[in-house]
Amino acid sequence: MVESPTKVGRVHFAPLNVPLQRRLQTFAAFYYSFMTFFFPLLNIFLPFYIVFYTSYWWVLAIYAIFYIYDYQTPKRGGRPNRFLQEMTLHKWFAEYFPIQLVKTAEVKPNHNYLFGYHPHGVISIGALTSFGTAAAGVSEKFPKLKFRLATLGGNFFLPVRREYLIAFGLIDCGRESLEHVLSNEEKGQAVVLVI
């Protein structure tokens, strides 16, 4: 039995006997909120701070060289990182709401596919959880398909966030990027476009 929340002034605190699983799910929701709203702001202001207030400008110079060299990656299929995609943290986040992926039809792996995801929502976090991570079981439901989630090219301009999105398998939603993935001779490619 969960006790009622403690109230201090106008702030309500969660009771101490909330189950550990629910606390982990809440932590995951906090993590996603941070990565969605505060991390981009940090990405905008941190480079200016580093250049003008520290002596580590050379780190940004090295990253700038890497960025120029690696500029086309979001248009060339990205580079998904299975370790990041399969972290338990994403499973906790999916359980928090709960987010579920329901398979309604068989999909043959000898073709490439373009899926439409709807509704878009504010930040398409359901699409990221379902197709950018293993939280909703996409790899079990569609074992022979390699999913890429397509997003706006502007999301790849912020320095560190760019690497984070690429590691989730996100790609640019432009025509060049979609054609590159879908015209791949290796069949079983699937692009999810949030419409």
N, C-alpha and C. Protein backbone atom coordinates (compact mmCIF):
# COMPACT_ATOMS: atom_id res chain seq x y z
N MET A 1 0.84 -1.18 0.00
CA MET A 1 0.00 0.00 0.00
C MET A 1 0.89 1.24 0.00
N VAL A 2 0.61 2.16 -0.90
CA VAL A 2 1.40 3.38 -1.03
C VAL A 2 0.77 4.46 -0.17
N GLU A 3 1.59 5.10 0.65
CA GLU A 3 1.08 6.17 1.51
C GLU A 3 0.85 7.43 0.70
N SER A 4 0.14 8.38 1.27
CA SER A 4 -0.14 9.62 0.55
C SER A 4 1.11 10.49 0.49
N PRO A 5 1.19 11.39 -0.52
CA PRO A 5 2.38 12.22 -0.67
C PRO A 5 2.55 13.20 0.48
N THR A 6 3.79 13.55 0.75
CA THR A 6 4.11 14.54 1.77
C THR A 6 4.03 15.92 1.14
N LYS A 7 3.42 16.86 1.88
CA LYS A 7 3.27 18.21 1.34
C LYS A 7 4.09 19.17 2.18
N VAL A 8 4.97 19.93 1.51
CA VAL A 8 5.76 20.97 2.16
C VAL A 8 5.48 22.26 1.40
N GLY A 9 4.72 23.14 2.02
CA GLY A 9 4.29 24.34 1.31
C GLY A 9 3.37 23.95 0.18
N ARG A 10 3.71 24.35 -1.04
CA ARG A 10 2.91 23.98 -2.22
C ARG A 10 3.50 22.79 -2.98
N VAL A 11 4.58 22.24 -2.48
CA VAL A 11 5.26 21.14 -3.16
C VAL A 11 4.80 19.80 -2.57
N HIS A 12 4.39 18.89 -3.45
CA HIS A 12 4.00 17.54 -3.04
C HIS A 12 5.14 16.58 -3.38
N PHE A 13 5.66 15.88 -2.39
CA PHE A 13 6.72 14.92 -2.60
C PHE A 13 6.14 13.51 -2.66
N ALA A 14 6.76 12.67 -3.48
CA ALA A 14 6.30 11.29 -3.60
C ALA A 14 6.51 10.57 -2.28
N PRO A 15 5.62 9.66 -1.95
CA PRO A 15 5.80 8.90 -0.71
C PRO A 15 7.08 8.06 -0.75
N LEU A 16 7.61 7.74 0.40
CA LEU A 16 8.86 6.99 0.48
C LEU A 16 8.71 5.54 0.06
N ASN A 17 7.50 4.99 0.16
CA ASN A 17 7.33 3.57 -0.15
C ASN A 17 6.84 3.31 -1.57
N VAL A 18 7.15 4.20 -2.52
CA VAL A 18 6.86 3.95 -3.93
C VAL A 18 7.77 2.80 -4.38
N PRO A 19 7.24 1.83 -5.11
CA PRO A 19 8.07 0.68 -5.52
C PRO A 19 9.30 1.12 -6.34
N LEU A 20 10.38 0.38 -6.18
CA LEU A 20 11.63 0.70 -6.86
C LEU A 20 11.45 0.76 -8.37
N GLN A 21 10.68 -0.15 -8.94
CA GLN A 21 10.47 -0.16 -10.39
C GLN A 21 9.85 1.15 -10.87
N ARG A 22 8.89 1.67 -10.11
CA ARG A 22 8.26 2.94 -10.50
C ARG A 22 9.24 4.11 -10.35
N ARG A 23 10.11 4.05 -9.36
CA ARG A 23 11.13 5.10 -9.20
C ARG A 23 12.11 5.07 -10.38
N LEU A 24 12.47 3.88 -10.84
CA LEU A 24 13.36 3.76 -11.99
C LEU A 24 12.68 4.30 -13.25
N GLN A 25 11.41 4.02 -13.41
CA GLN A 25 10.66 4.54 -14.56
C GLN A 25 10.59 6.07 -14.51
N THR A 26 10.40 6.62 -13.32
CA THR A 26 10.35 8.07 -13.16
C THR A 26 11.71 8.68 -13.46
N PHE A 27 12.78 8.02 -13.02
CA PHE A 27 14.14 8.49 -13.34
C PHE A 27 14.35 8.52 -14.85
N ALA A 28 13.88 7.49 -15.54
CA ALA A 28 14.04 7.43 -17.00
C ALA A 28 13.26 8.57 -17.66
N ALA A 29 12.08 8.87 -17.16
CA ALA A 29 11.30 9.99 -17.71
C ALA A 29 12.03 11.31 -17.48
N PHE A 30 12.65 11.46 -16.31
CA PHE A 30 13.44 12.66 -16.04
C PHE A 30 14.62 12.76 -17.00
N TYR A 31 15.29 11.64 -17.23
CA TYR A 31 16.43 11.60 -18.15
C TYR A 31 16.00 12.04 -19.55
N TYR A 32 14.89 11.49 -20.04
CA TYR A 32 14.40 11.87 -21.37
C TYR A 32 14.03 13.35 -21.43
N SER A 33 13.44 13.86 -20.35
CA SER A 33 13.10 15.29 -20.30
C SER A 33 14.35 16.14 -20.38
N PHE A 34 15.38 15.74 -19.65
CA PHE A 34 16.64 16.48 -19.68
C PHE A 34 17.24 16.46 -21.08
N MET A 35 17.30 15.28 -21.68
CA MET A 35 17.91 15.15 -23.01
C MET A 35 17.10 15.88 -24.08
N THR A 36 15.81 16.03 -23.88
CA THR A 36 14.96 16.67 -24.88
C THR A 36 14.96 18.19 -24.76
N PHE A 37 14.91 18.70 -23.53
CA PHE A 37 14.74 20.14 -23.35
C PHE A 37 16.00 20.88 -22.93
N PHE A 38 16.76 20.33 -21.96
CA PHE A 38 17.88 21.06 -21.40
C PHE A 38 19.20 20.78 -22.11
N PHE A 39 19.39 19.58 -22.59
CA PHE A 39 20.62 19.22 -23.27
C PHE A 39 20.85 20.06 -24.52
N PRO A 40 19.82 20.33 -25.35
CA PRO A 40 20.05 21.21 -26.51
C PRO A 40 20.49 22.62 -26.09
N LEU A 41 19.91 23.15 -25.03
CA LEU A 41 20.34 24.48 -24.54
C LEU A 41 21.79 24.45 -24.10
N LEU A 42 22.16 23.38 -23.42
CA LEU A 42 23.55 23.22 -22.99
C LEU A 42 24.47 23.15 -24.21
N ASN A 43 24.02 22.47 -25.26
CA ASN A 43 24.80 22.35 -26.50
C ASN A 43 25.00 23.69 -27.19
N ILE A 44 24.06 24.59 -27.02
CA ILE A 44 24.17 25.90 -27.66
C ILE A 44 25.14 26.80 -26.89
N PHE A 45 25.04 26.82 -25.57
CA PHE A 45 25.82 27.76 -24.77
C PHE A 45 27.19 27.24 -24.36
N LEU A 46 27.35 25.94 -24.21
CA LEU A 46 28.63 25.38 -23.76
C LEU A 46 29.79 25.69 -24.71
N PRO A 47 29.64 25.59 -26.03
CA PRO A 47 30.76 25.93 -26.91
C PRO A 47 31.23 27.39 -26.73
N PHE A 48 30.29 28.31 -26.57
CA PHE A 48 30.67 29.70 -26.34
C PHE A 48 31.44 29.86 -25.03
N TYR A 49 30.97 29.17 -24.01
CA TYR A 49 31.66 29.22 -22.72
C TYR A 49 33.07 28.67 -22.85
N ILE A 50 33.21 27.53 -23.54
CA ILE A 50 34.52 26.91 -23.69
C ILE A 50 35.47 27.83 -24.45
N VAL A 51 35.01 28.45 -25.53
CA VAL A 51 35.87 29.31 -26.34
C VAL A 51 36.28 30.57 -25.59
N PHE A 52 35.33 31.22 -24.90
CA PHE A 52 35.61 32.52 -24.31
C PHE A 52 36.07 32.50 -22.86
N TYR A 53 35.81 31.41 -22.13
CA TYR A 53 36.11 31.41 -20.70
C TYR A 53 37.03 30.29 -20.24
N THR A 54 37.47 29.43 -21.14
CA THR A 54 38.41 28.36 -20.76
C THR A 54 39.54 28.31 -21.78
N SER A 55 40.51 27.48 -21.50
CA SER A 55 41.63 27.31 -22.44
C SER A 55 41.48 26.02 -23.25
N TYR A 56 40.25 25.48 -23.31
CA TYR A 56 40.02 24.22 -24.03
C TYR A 56 39.40 24.44 -25.41
N TRP A 57 39.67 25.57 -26.04
CA TRP A 57 39.15 25.86 -27.37
C TRP A 57 39.59 24.80 -28.38
N TRP A 58 40.74 24.19 -28.13
CA TRP A 58 41.29 23.21 -29.06
C TRP A 58 40.41 21.95 -29.15
N VAL A 59 39.64 21.65 -28.07
CA VAL A 59 38.71 20.51 -28.12
C VAL A 59 37.63 20.79 -29.16
N LEU A 60 37.12 22.01 -29.18
CA LEU A 60 36.12 22.38 -30.18
C LEU A 60 36.71 22.39 -31.58
N ALA A 61 37.96 22.77 -31.70
CA ALA A 61 38.61 22.78 -33.01
C ALA A 61 38.72 21.35 -33.56
N ILE A 62 39.09 20.42 -32.70
CA ILE A 62 39.18 19.01 -33.12
C ILE A 62 37.79 18.50 -33.50
N TYR A 63 36.78 18.84 -32.69
CA TYR A 63 35.42 18.41 -33.02
C TYR A 63 34.95 19.03 -34.33
N ALA A 64 35.30 20.28 -34.57
CA ALA A 64 34.91 20.94 -35.83
C ALA A 64 35.50 20.22 -37.03
N ILE A 65 36.74 19.78 -36.92
CA ILE A 65 37.37 19.01 -38.00
C ILE A 65 36.63 17.69 -38.21
N PHE A 66 36.32 17.01 -37.10
CA PHE A 66 35.56 15.76 -37.19
C PHE A 66 34.19 16.01 -37.81
N TYR A 67 33.52 17.08 -37.40
CA TYR A 67 32.18 17.42 -37.90
C TYR A 67 32.22 17.64 -39.41
N ILE A 68 33.20 18.36 -39.90
CA ILE A 68 33.33 18.61 -41.34
C ILE A 68 33.58 17.29 -42.08
N TYR A 69 34.44 16.45 -41.51
CA TYR A 69 34.74 15.15 -42.11
C TYR A 69 33.50 14.24 -42.12
N ASP A 70 32.72 14.30 -41.04
CA ASP A 70 31.60 13.38 -40.83
C ASP A 70 30.25 13.99 -41.18
N TYR A 71 30.23 15.10 -41.86
CA TYR A 71 29.02 15.87 -42.12
C TYR A 71 27.91 15.06 -42.80
N GLN A 72 28.26 14.16 -43.69
CA GLN A 72 27.28 13.42 -44.48
C GLN A 72 26.67 12.20 -43.77
N THR A 73 27.16 11.85 -42.61
CA THR A 73 26.68 10.64 -41.93
C THR A 73 25.16 10.60 -41.76
N PRO A 74 24.49 11.68 -41.33
CA PRO A 74 23.02 11.60 -41.21
C PRO A 74 22.32 11.39 -42.55
N LYS A 75 23.01 11.67 -43.65
CA LYS A 75 22.41 11.48 -44.97
C LYS A 75 22.83 10.14 -45.59
N ARG A 76 23.68 9.42 -44.88
CA ARG A 76 24.20 8.14 -45.40
C ARG A 76 23.85 6.96 -44.49
N GLY A 77 22.76 7.08 -43.76
CA GLY A 77 22.31 5.94 -42.96
C GLY A 77 22.72 5.96 -41.51
N GLY A 78 23.47 6.98 -41.08
CA GLY A 78 23.88 7.07 -39.68
C GLY A 78 24.82 5.96 -39.27
N ARG A 79 25.01 5.81 -37.99
CA ARG A 79 25.77 4.69 -37.45
C ARG A 79 25.17 4.30 -36.11
N PRO A 80 24.13 3.48 -36.16
CA PRO A 80 23.45 3.05 -34.93
C PRO A 80 24.39 2.31 -34.00
N ASN A 81 24.18 2.53 -32.71
CA ASN A 81 24.98 1.89 -31.67
C ASN A 81 24.06 0.98 -30.88
N ARG A 82 24.20 -0.32 -31.05
CA ARG A 82 23.31 -1.30 -30.39
C ARG A 82 23.37 -1.18 -28.87
N PHE A 83 24.56 -0.90 -28.31
CA PHE A 83 24.67 -0.78 -26.86
C PHE A 83 23.77 0.34 -26.35
N LEU A 84 23.82 1.51 -26.98
CA LEU A 84 22.99 2.64 -26.57
C LEU A 84 21.52 2.34 -26.79
N GLN A 85 21.18 1.72 -27.90
CA GLN A 85 19.78 1.44 -28.21
C GLN A 85 19.17 0.41 -27.26
N GLU A 86 19.96 -0.48 -26.70
CA GLU A 86 19.43 -1.56 -25.87
C GLU A 86 19.57 -1.30 -24.37
N MET A 87 19.92 -0.08 -23.99
CA MET A 87 20.05 0.23 -22.56
C MET A 87 18.72 0.03 -21.84
N THR A 88 18.78 -0.49 -20.63
CA THR A 88 17.59 -0.76 -19.82
C THR A 88 16.82 0.52 -19.52
N LEU A 89 17.51 1.65 -19.49
CA LEU A 89 16.88 2.94 -19.24
C LEU A 89 15.73 3.20 -20.19
N HIS A 90 15.86 2.81 -21.45
CA HIS A 90 14.80 3.03 -22.44
C HIS A 90 13.59 2.14 -22.15
N LYS A 91 13.84 0.95 -21.67
CA LYS A 91 12.75 0.04 -21.30
C LYS A 91 11.95 0.64 -20.14
N TRP A 92 12.66 1.20 -19.15
CA TRP A 92 11.97 1.85 -18.03
C TRP A 92 11.11 3.00 -18.54
N PHE A 93 11.64 3.78 -19.49
CA PHE A 93 10.89 4.91 -20.03
C PHE A 93 9.63 4.42 -20.74
N ALA A 94 9.75 3.36 -21.52
CA ALA A 94 8.59 2.81 -22.23
C ALA A 94 7.55 2.31 -21.23
N GLU A 95 7.99 1.75 -20.11
CA GLU A 95 7.07 1.25 -19.09
C GLU A 95 6.40 2.39 -18.33
N TYR A 96 7.02 3.54 -18.26
CA TYR A 96 6.49 4.67 -17.51
C TYR A 96 5.11 5.09 -18.03
N PHE A 97 4.89 5.07 -19.36
CA PHE A 97 3.66 5.62 -19.93
C PHE A 97 2.49 4.67 -20.03
N PRO A 98 2.45 3.52 -20.45
CA PRO A 98 3.40 2.67 -21.16
C PRO A 98 3.34 2.88 -22.68
N ILE A 99 4.50 2.75 -23.31
CA ILE A 99 4.60 2.82 -24.76
C ILE A 99 4.67 1.39 -25.28
N GLN A 100 3.82 1.06 -26.23
CA GLN A 100 3.79 -0.28 -26.80
C GLN A 100 3.86 -0.19 -28.32
N LEU A 101 4.51 -1.17 -28.92
CA LEU A 101 4.55 -1.30 -30.37
C LEU A 101 3.72 -2.52 -30.73
N VAL A 102 2.65 -2.31 -31.49
CA VAL A 102 1.74 -3.39 -31.85
C VAL A 102 1.95 -3.75 -33.31
N LYS A 103 2.29 -4.99 -33.56
CA LYS A 103 2.49 -5.47 -34.93
C LYS A 103 1.14 -5.95 -35.47
N THR A 104 0.74 -5.37 -36.61
CA THR A 104 -0.57 -5.73 -37.18
C THR A 104 -0.46 -6.49 -38.49
N ALA A 105 0.76 -6.59 -39.04
CA ALA A 105 0.91 -7.30 -40.32
C ALA A 105 2.33 -7.84 -40.43
N GLU A 106 2.46 -8.91 -41.20
CA GLU A 106 3.79 -9.46 -41.49
C GLU A 106 4.46 -8.60 -42.55
N VAL A 107 5.74 -8.38 -42.39
CA VAL A 107 6.51 -7.59 -43.35
C VAL A 107 7.66 -8.46 -43.84
N LYS A 108 7.74 -8.64 -45.15
CA LYS A 108 8.78 -9.51 -45.72
C LYS A 108 10.13 -8.78 -45.72
N PRO A 109 11.17 -9.45 -45.29
CA PRO A 109 12.49 -8.80 -45.21
C PRO A 109 13.23 -8.70 -46.55
N ASN A 110 12.61 -9.15 -47.64
CA ASN A 110 13.29 -9.08 -48.95
C ASN A 110 12.95 -7.79 -49.70
N HIS A 111 12.41 -6.80 -49.00
CA HIS A 111 12.12 -5.48 -49.56
C HIS A 111 12.63 -4.41 -48.61
N ASN A 112 12.71 -3.18 -49.10
CA ASN A 112 12.98 -2.02 -48.25
C ASN A 112 11.67 -1.28 -48.07
N TYR A 113 11.50 -0.64 -46.90
CA TYR A 113 10.21 -0.05 -46.57
C TYR A 113 10.34 1.38 -46.08
N LEU A 114 9.30 2.17 -46.35
CA LEU A 114 9.13 3.50 -45.80
C LEU A 114 7.85 3.47 -44.98
N PHE A 115 7.98 3.58 -43.65
CA PHE A 115 6.82 3.57 -42.76
C PHE A 115 6.49 5.01 -42.36
N GLY A 116 5.20 5.30 -42.23
CA GLY A 116 4.77 6.59 -41.71
C GLY A 116 4.38 6.41 -40.26
N TYR A 117 4.83 7.31 -39.41
CA TYR A 117 4.51 7.26 -37.98
C TYR A 117 3.59 8.42 -37.66
N HIS A 118 2.47 8.13 -37.01
CA HIS A 118 1.51 9.17 -36.65
C HIS A 118 0.90 8.82 -35.29
N PRO A 119 0.65 9.73 -34.41
CA PRO A 119 0.76 11.18 -34.52
C PRO A 119 2.17 11.66 -34.20
N HIS A 120 2.50 12.82 -34.71
CA HIS A 120 3.82 13.40 -34.51
C HIS A 120 4.02 13.77 -33.05
N GLY A 121 3.08 14.46 -32.47
CA GLY A 121 3.22 14.92 -31.09
C GLY A 121 4.19 16.08 -31.00
N VAL A 122 4.54 16.46 -29.80
CA VAL A 122 5.40 17.62 -29.59
C VAL A 122 6.84 17.31 -30.01
N ILE A 123 7.37 16.18 -29.59
CA ILE A 123 8.77 15.87 -29.87
C ILE A 123 8.99 14.46 -30.40
N SER A 124 7.96 13.78 -30.76
CA SER A 124 8.04 12.42 -31.35
C SER A 124 8.80 11.44 -30.47
N ILE A 125 8.63 11.55 -29.18
CA ILE A 125 9.35 10.67 -28.26
C ILE A 125 8.86 9.23 -28.36
N GLY A 126 7.60 9.04 -28.74
CA GLY A 126 7.08 7.68 -28.94
C GLY A 126 7.77 7.00 -30.11
N ALA A 127 8.04 7.77 -31.17
CA ALA A 127 8.74 7.21 -32.33
C ALA A 127 10.17 6.83 -31.95
N LEU A 128 10.84 7.70 -31.20
CA LEU A 128 12.21 7.40 -30.79
C LEU A 128 12.24 6.16 -29.90
N THR A 129 11.31 6.07 -28.97
CA THR A 129 11.28 4.92 -28.06
C THR A 129 10.94 3.64 -28.81
N SER A 130 10.04 3.72 -29.78
CA SER A 130 9.61 2.52 -30.51
C SER A 130 10.62 2.05 -31.55
N PHE A 131 11.23 3.00 -32.28
CA PHE A 131 12.08 2.61 -33.41
C PHE A 131 13.55 2.99 -33.27
N GLY A 132 13.88 3.90 -32.35
CA GLY A 132 15.27 4.27 -32.14
C GLY A 132 15.92 3.47 -31.03
N THR A 133 15.10 2.82 -30.21
CA THR A 133 15.62 1.99 -29.12
C THR A 133 15.00 0.60 -29.22
N ALA A 134 15.45 -0.29 -28.37
CA ALA A 134 14.89 -1.65 -28.33
C ALA A 134 13.81 -1.76 -27.27
N ALA A 135 13.37 -0.63 -26.69
CA ALA A 135 12.45 -0.64 -25.55
C ALA A 135 11.09 -1.26 -25.85
N ALA A 136 10.57 -1.03 -27.04
CA ALA A 136 9.23 -1.53 -27.39
C ALA A 136 9.29 -2.87 -28.12
N GLY A 137 10.47 -3.43 -28.27
CA GLY A 137 10.62 -4.75 -28.88
C GLY A 137 10.56 -4.77 -30.40
N VAL A 138 11.01 -3.69 -31.04
CA VAL A 138 10.96 -3.64 -32.50
C VAL A 138 11.81 -4.74 -33.14
N SER A 139 12.96 -5.04 -32.55
CA SER A 139 13.83 -6.07 -33.14
C SER A 139 13.28 -7.48 -32.95
N GLU A 140 12.43 -7.69 -31.94
CA GLU A 140 11.78 -9.00 -31.77
C GLU A 140 10.58 -9.13 -32.70
N LYS A 141 9.86 -8.03 -32.88
CA LYS A 141 8.66 -8.08 -33.73
C LYS A 141 9.01 -8.10 -35.21
N PHE A 142 10.10 -7.43 -35.58
CA PHE A 142 10.57 -7.38 -36.97
C PHE A 142 12.06 -7.75 -36.99
N PRO A 143 12.38 -9.02 -36.78
CA PRO A 143 13.78 -9.40 -36.55
C PRO A 143 14.72 -9.19 -37.74
N LYS A 144 14.21 -9.15 -38.94
CA LYS A 144 15.11 -9.05 -40.10
C LYS A 144 15.13 -7.66 -40.73
N LEU A 145 14.50 -6.70 -40.09
CA LEU A 145 14.50 -5.33 -40.60
C LEU A 145 15.46 -4.46 -39.79
N LYS A 146 16.13 -3.56 -40.49
CA LYS A 146 17.01 -2.57 -39.85
C LYS A 146 16.31 -1.22 -39.93
N PHE A 147 15.88 -0.72 -38.78
CA PHE A 147 15.10 0.52 -38.75
C PHE A 147 15.98 1.75 -38.61
N ARG A 148 15.57 2.80 -39.34
CA ARG A 148 16.16 4.13 -39.21
C ARG A 148 15.00 5.10 -39.02
N LEU A 149 15.09 5.94 -38.03
CA LEU A 149 14.08 6.95 -37.78
C LEU A 149 14.54 8.25 -38.43
N ALA A 150 13.69 8.85 -39.25
CA ALA A 150 14.07 10.07 -39.98
C ALA A 150 13.60 11.30 -39.22
N THR A 151 14.48 12.30 -39.11
CA THR A 151 14.16 13.54 -38.42
C THR A 151 14.68 14.73 -39.23
N LEU A 152 14.31 15.92 -38.82
CA LEU A 152 14.75 17.13 -39.51
C LEU A 152 16.26 17.26 -39.50
N GLY A 153 16.82 17.72 -40.61
CA GLY A 153 18.26 17.89 -40.71
C GLY A 153 18.82 18.87 -39.68
N GLY A 154 18.01 19.84 -39.25
CA GLY A 154 18.45 20.81 -38.25
C GLY A 154 18.79 20.19 -36.91
N ASN A 155 18.25 19.00 -36.62
CA ASN A 155 18.58 18.32 -35.37
C ASN A 155 20.03 17.85 -35.32
N PHE A 156 20.69 17.83 -36.47
CA PHE A 156 22.07 17.36 -36.53
C PHE A 156 23.09 18.50 -36.50
N PHE A 157 22.63 19.73 -36.23
CA PHE A 157 23.55 20.87 -36.17
C PHE A 157 24.18 21.05 -34.79
N LEU A 158 23.51 20.65 -33.73
CA LEU A 158 24.05 20.81 -32.38
C LEU A 158 25.13 19.77 -32.14
N PRO A 159 26.31 20.19 -31.72
CA PRO A 159 27.49 19.32 -31.68
C PRO A 159 27.32 17.96 -31.03
N VAL A 160 27.14 17.86 -29.74
CA VAL A 160 27.13 16.56 -29.07
C VAL A 160 25.80 15.84 -29.29
N ARG A 161 24.72 16.59 -29.35
CA ARG A 161 23.41 16.00 -29.58
C ARG A 161 23.38 15.27 -30.92
N ARG A 162 24.09 15.78 -31.90
CA ARG A 162 24.18 15.16 -33.22
C ARG A 162 24.68 13.72 -33.09
N GLU A 163 25.75 13.53 -32.33
CA GLU A 163 26.32 12.19 -32.16
C GLU A 163 25.34 11.27 -31.43
N TYR A 164 24.64 11.84 -30.48
CA TYR A 164 23.65 11.10 -29.70
C TYR A 164 22.53 10.59 -30.61
N LEU A 165 22.01 11.47 -31.46
CA LEU A 165 20.93 11.08 -32.38
C LEU A 165 21.40 10.06 -33.41
N ILE A 166 22.59 10.25 -33.93
CA ILE A 166 23.14 9.31 -34.91
C ILE A 166 23.30 7.92 -34.28
N ALA A 167 23.69 7.89 -33.01
CA ALA A 167 23.86 6.61 -32.32
C ALA A 167 22.53 5.87 -32.14
N PHE A 168 21.42 6.61 -32.11
CA PHE A 168 20.10 5.98 -32.04
C PHE A 168 19.63 5.52 -33.41
N GLY A 169 20.40 5.77 -34.45
CA GLY A 169 20.01 5.36 -35.79
C GLY A 169 19.16 6.38 -36.51
N LEU A 170 19.12 7.62 -36.01
CA LEU A 170 18.36 8.66 -36.68
C LEU A 170 19.10 9.14 -37.92
N ILE A 171 18.33 9.47 -38.94
CA ILE A 171 18.89 9.99 -40.18
C ILE A 171 18.13 11.25 -40.58
N ASP A 172 18.71 11.98 -41.50
CA ASP A 172 18.08 13.18 -42.05
C ASP A 172 16.84 12.75 -42.85
N CYS A 173 15.76 13.54 -42.75
CA CYS A 173 14.52 13.16 -43.46
C CYS A 173 14.48 13.70 -44.89
N GLY A 174 15.58 14.27 -45.38
CA GLY A 174 15.62 14.78 -46.74
C GLY A 174 15.60 13.66 -47.77
N ARG A 175 15.27 14.04 -48.99
CA ARG A 175 15.15 13.08 -50.09
C ARG A 175 16.43 12.28 -50.31
N GLU A 176 17.57 12.97 -50.30
CA GLU A 176 18.85 12.30 -50.53
C GLU A 176 19.09 11.18 -49.52
N SER A 177 18.79 11.46 -48.28
CA SER A 177 18.99 10.49 -47.21
C SER A 177 18.05 9.29 -47.36
N LEU A 178 16.77 9.57 -47.61
CA LEU A 178 15.80 8.48 -47.76
C LEU A 178 16.13 7.60 -48.96
N GLU A 179 16.52 8.23 -50.07
CA GLU A 179 16.89 7.45 -51.25
C GLU A 179 18.13 6.61 -50.98
N HIS A 180 19.08 7.16 -50.24
CA HIS A 180 20.30 6.41 -49.95
C HIS A 180 19.98 5.12 -49.19
N VAL A 181 19.14 5.22 -48.17
CA VAL A 181 18.81 4.05 -47.36
C VAL A 181 17.90 3.09 -48.12
N LEU A 182 16.87 3.60 -48.77
CA LEU A 182 15.88 2.75 -49.40
C LEU A 182 16.34 2.13 -50.72
N SER A 183 17.35 2.72 -51.36
CA SER A 183 17.87 2.14 -52.60
C SER A 183 19.04 1.20 -52.33
N ASN A 184 19.31 0.95 -51.08
CA ASN A 184 20.40 0.06 -50.69
C ASN A 184 20.14 -1.35 -51.23
N GLU A 185 21.18 -1.95 -51.77
CA GLU A 185 21.03 -3.31 -52.32
C GLU A 185 20.79 -4.34 -51.22
N GLU A 186 21.26 -4.04 -50.03
CA GLU A 186 20.98 -4.92 -48.90
C GLU A 186 19.54 -4.71 -48.48
N LYS A 187 18.71 -5.72 -48.66
CA LYS A 187 17.28 -5.59 -48.38
C LYS A 187 17.01 -5.69 -46.88
N GLY A 188 15.81 -5.28 -46.50
CA GLY A 188 15.44 -5.31 -45.09
C GLY A 188 15.66 -3.97 -44.41
N GLN A 189 15.86 -2.91 -45.20
CA GLN A 189 16.03 -1.55 -44.64
C GLN A 189 14.64 -0.95 -44.45
N ALA A 190 14.43 -0.29 -43.33
CA ALA A 190 13.13 0.34 -43.06
C ALA A 190 13.36 1.73 -42.50
N VAL A 191 12.76 2.72 -43.13
CA VAL A 191 12.84 4.10 -42.65
C VAL A 191 11.48 4.45 -42.07
N VAL A 192 11.50 5.03 -40.88
CA VAL A 192 10.27 5.49 -40.23
C VAL A 192 10.27 7.00 -40.30
N LEU A 193 9.28 7.55 -41.00
CA LEU A 193 9.15 8.99 -41.18
C LEU A 193 7.96 9.47 -40.36
N VAL A 194 8.23 10.38 -39.45
CA VAL A 194 7.16 10.92 -38.60
C VAL A 194 6.42 11.98 -39.41
N ILE A 195 5.15 11.73 -39.69
CA ILE A 195 4.37 12.62 -40.56
C ILE A 195 3.44 13.52 -39.75
